[in-house]
Protein backbone atom coordinates (compact mmCIF):
# COMPACT_ATOMS: atom_id res chain seq x y z
CA MET A 1 1.20 11.05 18.00
CA PRO A 2 2.72 11.80 14.54
CA ILE A 3 6.26 10.38 14.10
CA GLU A 4 9.37 12.88 14.71
CA ASP A 5 12.72 12.17 13.38
CA VAL A 6 14.11 11.21 16.79
CA MET A 7 11.66 8.41 16.99
CA LEU A 8 12.76 6.79 13.73
CA PRO A 9 15.64 4.54 15.41
CA GLU A 10 12.95 2.80 17.53
CA VAL A 11 10.54 2.31 14.87
CA PHE A 12 13.33 0.74 12.83
CA ARG A 13 13.94 -1.71 15.80
CA ILE A 14 10.36 -2.63 16.28
CA GLN A 15 9.99 -3.12 12.44
CA GLU A 16 12.88 -5.17 12.27
CA GLU A 17 11.51 -7.43 15.03
CA GLY A 18 7.99 -7.73 13.57
CA PHE A 19 8.95 -7.99 9.79
CA GLU A 20 11.83 -10.15 8.13
CA ASN A 21 11.78 -8.97 4.53
CA GLN A 22 11.17 -5.35 5.03
CA GLY A 23 13.81 -2.60 4.48
CA GLN A 24 14.15 0.61 6.40
CA ASN A 25 14.03 2.47 3.18
CA GLU A 26 10.47 2.14 2.80
CA LEU A 27 9.63 3.42 6.55
CA ILE A 28 12.04 6.49 5.82
CA LYS A 29 10.21 7.13 2.54
CA TYR A 30 6.88 6.94 4.44
CA SER A 31 8.19 9.06 7.54
CA ARG A 32 9.14 11.90 5.26
CA LYS A 33 6.34 11.88 2.57
CA LEU A 34 3.38 10.61 4.95
CA ARG A 35 4.50 12.42 8.13
CA LYS A 36 0.94 13.27 8.97
CA ILE A 37 -0.19 9.72 8.74
CA PHE A 38 2.72 7.91 10.36
CA TYR A 39 1.90 7.53 13.85
CA VAL A 40 3.56 6.01 16.82
CA ILE A 41 2.17 5.03 20.29
CA LYS A 42 4.09 5.37 23.43
CA SER A 43 4.06 3.98 26.94
CA GLN A 44 6.11 6.30 29.53
CA ASP A 45 8.14 8.00 26.58
CA GLN A 46 9.19 5.05 24.73
CA VAL A 47 7.92 4.22 21.38
CA VAL A 48 6.28 0.84 21.41
CA GLY A 49 4.61 0.91 18.05
CA TYR A 50 3.78 2.37 14.86
CA SER A 51 1.27 2.62 12.23
CA THR A 52 1.67 4.30 8.78
CA TYR A 53 -0.99 4.52 5.69
CA TYR A 54 -1.52 5.96 2.53
CA ILE A 55 -4.83 7.25 0.87
CA ARG A 56 -5.84 6.07 -2.65
CA LEU A 57 -8.60 7.76 -4.84
CA ILE A 58 -10.75 5.27 -6.53
CA PRO A 59 -13.21 6.52 -9.20
CA SER A 60 -16.89 5.70 -8.35
CA LEU A 61 -20.30 6.97 -9.95
CA LYS A 62 -20.37 9.68 -7.28
CA GLY A 63 -16.92 11.19 -8.01
CA PHE A 64 -14.00 9.78 -5.93
CA LYS A 65 -14.06 7.21 -3.22
CA LYS A 66 -10.99 7.54 -0.59
CA ILE A 67 -9.49 4.46 0.41
CA SER A 68 -6.67 3.90 2.94
CA VAL A 69 -4.12 1.52 2.74
CA ILE A 70 -2.21 0.34 5.87
CA CYS A 71 1.44 0.23 4.87
CA SER A 72 2.95 -1.25 7.97
CA ILE A 73 2.01 -1.56 11.65
CA SER A 74 3.85 -3.30 14.27
CA VAL A 75 4.20 -3.32 18.16
CA ASP A 76 7.48 -3.98 20.17
CA LYS A 77 7.36 -7.66 20.96
CA SER A 78 7.48 -6.92 24.83
CA PHE A 79 4.42 -4.77 24.32
CA ARG A 80 2.32 -7.09 22.50
CA ARG A 81 -1.03 -8.58 24.08
CA LYS A 82 -1.38 -5.53 26.08
CA GLY A 83 -3.79 -3.54 23.77
CA PHE A 84 -1.31 -1.24 22.42
CA GLY A 85 -1.82 -2.51 18.93
CA GLU A 86 -5.59 -2.51 19.06
CA LYS A 87 -5.36 1.19 20.55
CA LEU A 88 -3.15 2.35 17.81
CA LEU A 89 -5.23 0.79 15.09
CA LYS A 90 -8.52 2.24 16.56
CA GLU A 91 -6.87 5.63 16.81
CA SER A 92 -5.80 5.55 13.11
CA ILE A 93 -9.32 4.42 12.10
CA GLN A 94 -10.96 7.23 13.66
CA GLU A 95 -8.40 9.69 12.20
CA MET A 96 -9.36 7.88 8.74
CA LYS A 97 -13.23 8.43 9.45
CA LEU A 98 -12.88 12.16 9.98
CA ASN A 99 -10.96 12.61 6.64
CA LYS A 100 -13.87 10.75 4.99
CA ILE A 101 -12.29 7.30 4.05
CA THR A 102 -14.76 4.75 2.91
CA SER A 103 -12.71 1.83 3.49
CA VAL A 104 -9.36 0.53 4.99
CA LEU A 105 -7.04 -2.17 3.26
CA LEU A 106 -4.26 -3.85 4.82
CA TYR A 107 -2.16 -7.07 4.10
CA VAL A 108 -1.25 -9.68 6.47
CA SER A 109 0.67 -13.01 6.44
CA VAL A 110 -1.59 -16.04 6.60
CA ASN A 111 0.77 -17.15 9.13
CA ASN A 112 0.15 -14.23 11.58
CA THR A 113 -2.69 -15.50 13.23
CA SER A 114 -2.50 -12.86 16.32
CA ALA A 115 -2.63 -10.05 13.69
CA ILE A 116 -5.48 -11.79 11.79
CA LYS A 117 -7.45 -12.16 14.98
CA LEU A 118 -7.07 -8.63 16.11
CA TYR A 119 -8.09 -7.13 12.75
CA GLU A 120 -11.17 -9.34 12.75
CA LYS A 121 -12.17 -8.23 16.16
CA LEU A 122 -12.21 -4.55 14.79
CA GLY A 123 -14.28 -5.58 11.66
CA PHE A 124 -11.75 -6.17 9.12
CA ARG A 125 -12.78 -9.21 6.77
CA ILE A 126 -10.55 -11.30 4.41
CA ILE A 127 -11.19 -10.36 0.75
CA LYS A 128 -8.85 -12.75 -0.76
CA GLU A 129 -5.54 -14.51 -0.66
CA THR A 130 -2.71 -12.81 -2.44
CA ARG A 131 1.12 -13.45 -2.96
CA ASN A 132 4.71 -11.41 -2.37
CA ILE A 133 2.75 -8.24 -1.15
CA CYS A 134 3.51 -8.44 2.66
CA GLY A 135 6.90 -10.06 2.53
CA ASP A 136 5.52 -13.40 2.71
CA LYS A 137 4.66 -15.81 0.04
CA ARG A 138 0.93 -15.80 0.99
CA CYS A 139 -0.84 -13.16 2.60
CA TYR A 140 -4.54 -12.10 2.97
CA GLU A 141 -5.93 -8.76 1.81
CA MET A 142 -8.23 -7.50 4.35
CA GLU A 143 -10.83 -4.77 4.42
CA LEU A 144 -12.79 -2.67 6.82
CA ASN A 145 -15.60 -0.64 5.26
CA LEU A 146 -16.17 2.65 7.14
CA VAL A 147 -19.48 3.74 5.59
């Protein structure tokens, strides 16, 4: 479901659990500017995860391609390995397909093996290793082609 302001404290808690170097200011900005593409997943009325992305237009021979970049995605530690992250990501990808997104990019720490396995399970592939993007010194840029 789309985020509502009352959900932000729980989202901040989940973000703090999952990411050491990311501040709340970015999530506040995303929640205001990107409200329609900032999603939460709930279990029994409790926010257990969130996902937010933005759309980037890339010039191509046929006009513009729409690429989605997942800014942040995380699940409450007590709800991990129960399918919530996978469901959240699959629903986000379905929404992206409806909006004619051609590919999805995300960045993940090279040390976050469980997230990398989930992304690969859903069809993402590692494009390259990069630095200082995902709060970690080393991270992978991963891509999922939707067309």
